[in-house]
Protein backbone atom coordinates (compact mmCIF):
# COMPACT_ATOMS: atom_id res chain seq x y z
CA MET A 1 21.74 -12.67 -11.82
CA TRP A 2 21.27 -15.74 -13.55
CA ARG A 3 19.13 -18.28 -12.14
CA LYS A 4 18.63 -21.15 -11.28
CA TRP A 5 16.01 -23.74 -12.75
CA ASP A 6 15.12 -23.47 -9.14
CA GLU A 7 14.79 -20.52 -7.92
CA LEU A 8 12.22 -19.12 -11.89
CA PRO A 9 9.01 -18.99 -10.62
CA GLU A 10 6.83 -21.86 -10.49
CA PHE A 11 4.61 -20.26 -13.78
CA MET A 12 7.77 -20.69 -15.74
CA LYS A 13 8.56 -24.38 -15.39
CA THR A 14 7.24 -25.61 -17.24
CA GLU A 15 8.64 -27.90 -20.32
CA ASP A 16 8.44 -25.76 -23.25
CA VAL A 17 10.54 -23.49 -21.18
CA ARG A 18 13.07 -25.64 -20.69
CA PRO A 19 14.55 -25.79 -24.20
CA TYR A 20 15.25 -22.04 -24.00
CA TYR A 21 16.50 -22.73 -20.56
CA GLU A 22 19.05 -24.87 -21.18
CA TYR A 23 19.70 -22.86 -24.71
CA LEU A 24 20.31 -19.36 -22.67
CA LYS A 25 22.53 -21.77 -19.88
CA LYS A 26 24.97 -21.99 -22.69
CA LYS A 27 25.12 -18.75 -24.14
CA ARG A 28 25.39 -16.87 -19.96
CA VAL A 29 29.13 -16.24 -21.29
CA SER A 30 28.28 -14.10 -23.26
CA LEU A 31 24.87 -13.43 -22.12
CA LEU A 32 27.11 -11.19 -19.74
CA LEU A 33 29.81 -9.60 -21.76
CA LYS A 34 26.30 -7.94 -24.18
CA ARG A 35 24.98 -6.35 -20.28
CA GLY A 36 28.52 -5.26 -19.11
CA PHE A 37 29.26 -4.17 -23.00
CA ASP A 38 25.22 -2.40 -23.32
CA PHE A 39 25.71 -0.74 -19.04
CA ILE A 40 29.45 1.04 -21.32
CA VAL A 41 27.60 2.27 -24.26
CA ALA A 42 24.38 3.26 -21.52
CA LEU A 43 27.05 5.44 -19.73
CA VAL A 44 28.96 6.72 -22.56
CA MET A 45 25.41 8.22 -24.32
CA LEU A 46 24.65 9.68 -20.59
CA VAL A 47 27.94 11.25 -20.29
CA VAL A 48 27.15 12.82 -24.07
CA LEU A 49 23.89 13.69 -23.67
CA PHE A 50 24.06 15.36 -20.95
CA PRO A 51 24.66 18.95 -22.42
CA ILE A 52 20.61 18.45 -23.84
CA LEU A 53 19.08 17.03 -20.87
CA LEU A 54 20.37 19.64 -19.01
CA VAL A 55 18.74 22.27 -21.70
CA ILE A 56 14.87 19.93 -21.79
CA ALA A 57 15.95 19.91 -17.54
CA ILE A 58 15.89 23.95 -17.83
CA PHE A 59 13.56 24.54 -20.05
CA ILE A 60 10.48 21.90 -17.26
CA THR A 61 11.36 23.87 -14.50
CA VAL A 62 10.54 27.40 -16.34
CA ASP A 63 7.45 26.38 -18.13
CA SER A 64 6.05 25.15 -15.30
CA LYS A 65 6.37 24.74 -11.40
CA GLY A 66 6.92 21.12 -10.08
CA GLY A 67 9.93 18.84 -10.79
CA ILE A 68 11.60 18.00 -13.25
CA PHE A 69 11.67 13.66 -12.90
CA TYR A 70 8.15 11.54 -12.87
CA SER A 71 9.13 8.80 -11.10
CA GLN A 72 6.29 5.17 -11.06
CA GLU A 73 6.38 1.84 -9.49
CA ARG A 74 5.35 -0.37 -12.24
CA ILE A 75 5.79 -4.35 -13.02
CA THR A 76 6.87 -6.76 -15.34
CA GLN A 77 5.26 -9.43 -17.26
CA TYR A 78 6.91 -11.55 -14.54
CA GLY A 79 5.67 -10.37 -11.89
CA ARG A 80 9.33 -7.77 -10.32
CA LYS A 81 8.54 -4.59 -9.68
CA PHE A 82 10.83 -1.70 -10.81
CA LYS A 83 10.96 2.21 -10.47
CA ILE A 84 11.08 4.36 -13.56
CA LEU A 85 12.47 7.08 -13.76
CA LYS A 86 11.15 10.24 -16.72
CA PHE A 87 11.07 13.58 -17.65
CA ARG A 88 7.47 14.92 -16.28
CA THR A 89 5.85 15.31 -18.77
CA MET A 90 2.28 17.15 -17.86
CA VAL A 91 1.18 18.73 -14.98
CA ALA A 92 2.33 18.11 -11.65
CA ASN A 93 0.47 15.39 -9.87
CA ALA A 94 -1.68 15.30 -13.01
CA ASP A 95 -2.02 11.00 -12.18
CA LYS A 96 -3.41 12.47 -8.53
CA ILE A 97 -5.57 14.69 -9.21
CA GLY A 98 -8.19 12.56 -11.53
CA ALA A 99 -8.60 11.19 -14.14
CA GLN A 100 -6.03 9.57 -15.84
CA ILE A 101 -6.07 10.78 -19.88
CA THR A 102 -4.56 14.06 -21.24
CA ILE A 103 -7.30 16.91 -21.46
CA LEU A 104 -6.21 20.73 -22.55
CA ASN A 105 -3.58 23.11 -21.41
CA ASP A 106 -1.60 20.03 -19.78
CA MET A 107 1.16 20.48 -20.92
């Protein structure tokens, strides 16, 4: 999770970034604890919200054909790729049909 200075992308290894890097380096334990806390809270919230998420999934299935989820690859400001998974709110394959705009009866 923590990268050494030499492992950072070249555009980040500047004298403007160095003070922030050194500051965060001293806070590694706090950042690790925060990461653990965030993970545990997210897991608890997922369990608590599961019934509501299940109802949403059923509504999507009943309302229209296609999958329940929409998956897309995105890129961070630092060029790292990641996938998102969210409930589908548009018609199935809307991003592959043509124009990337919302139209009447799309939802």
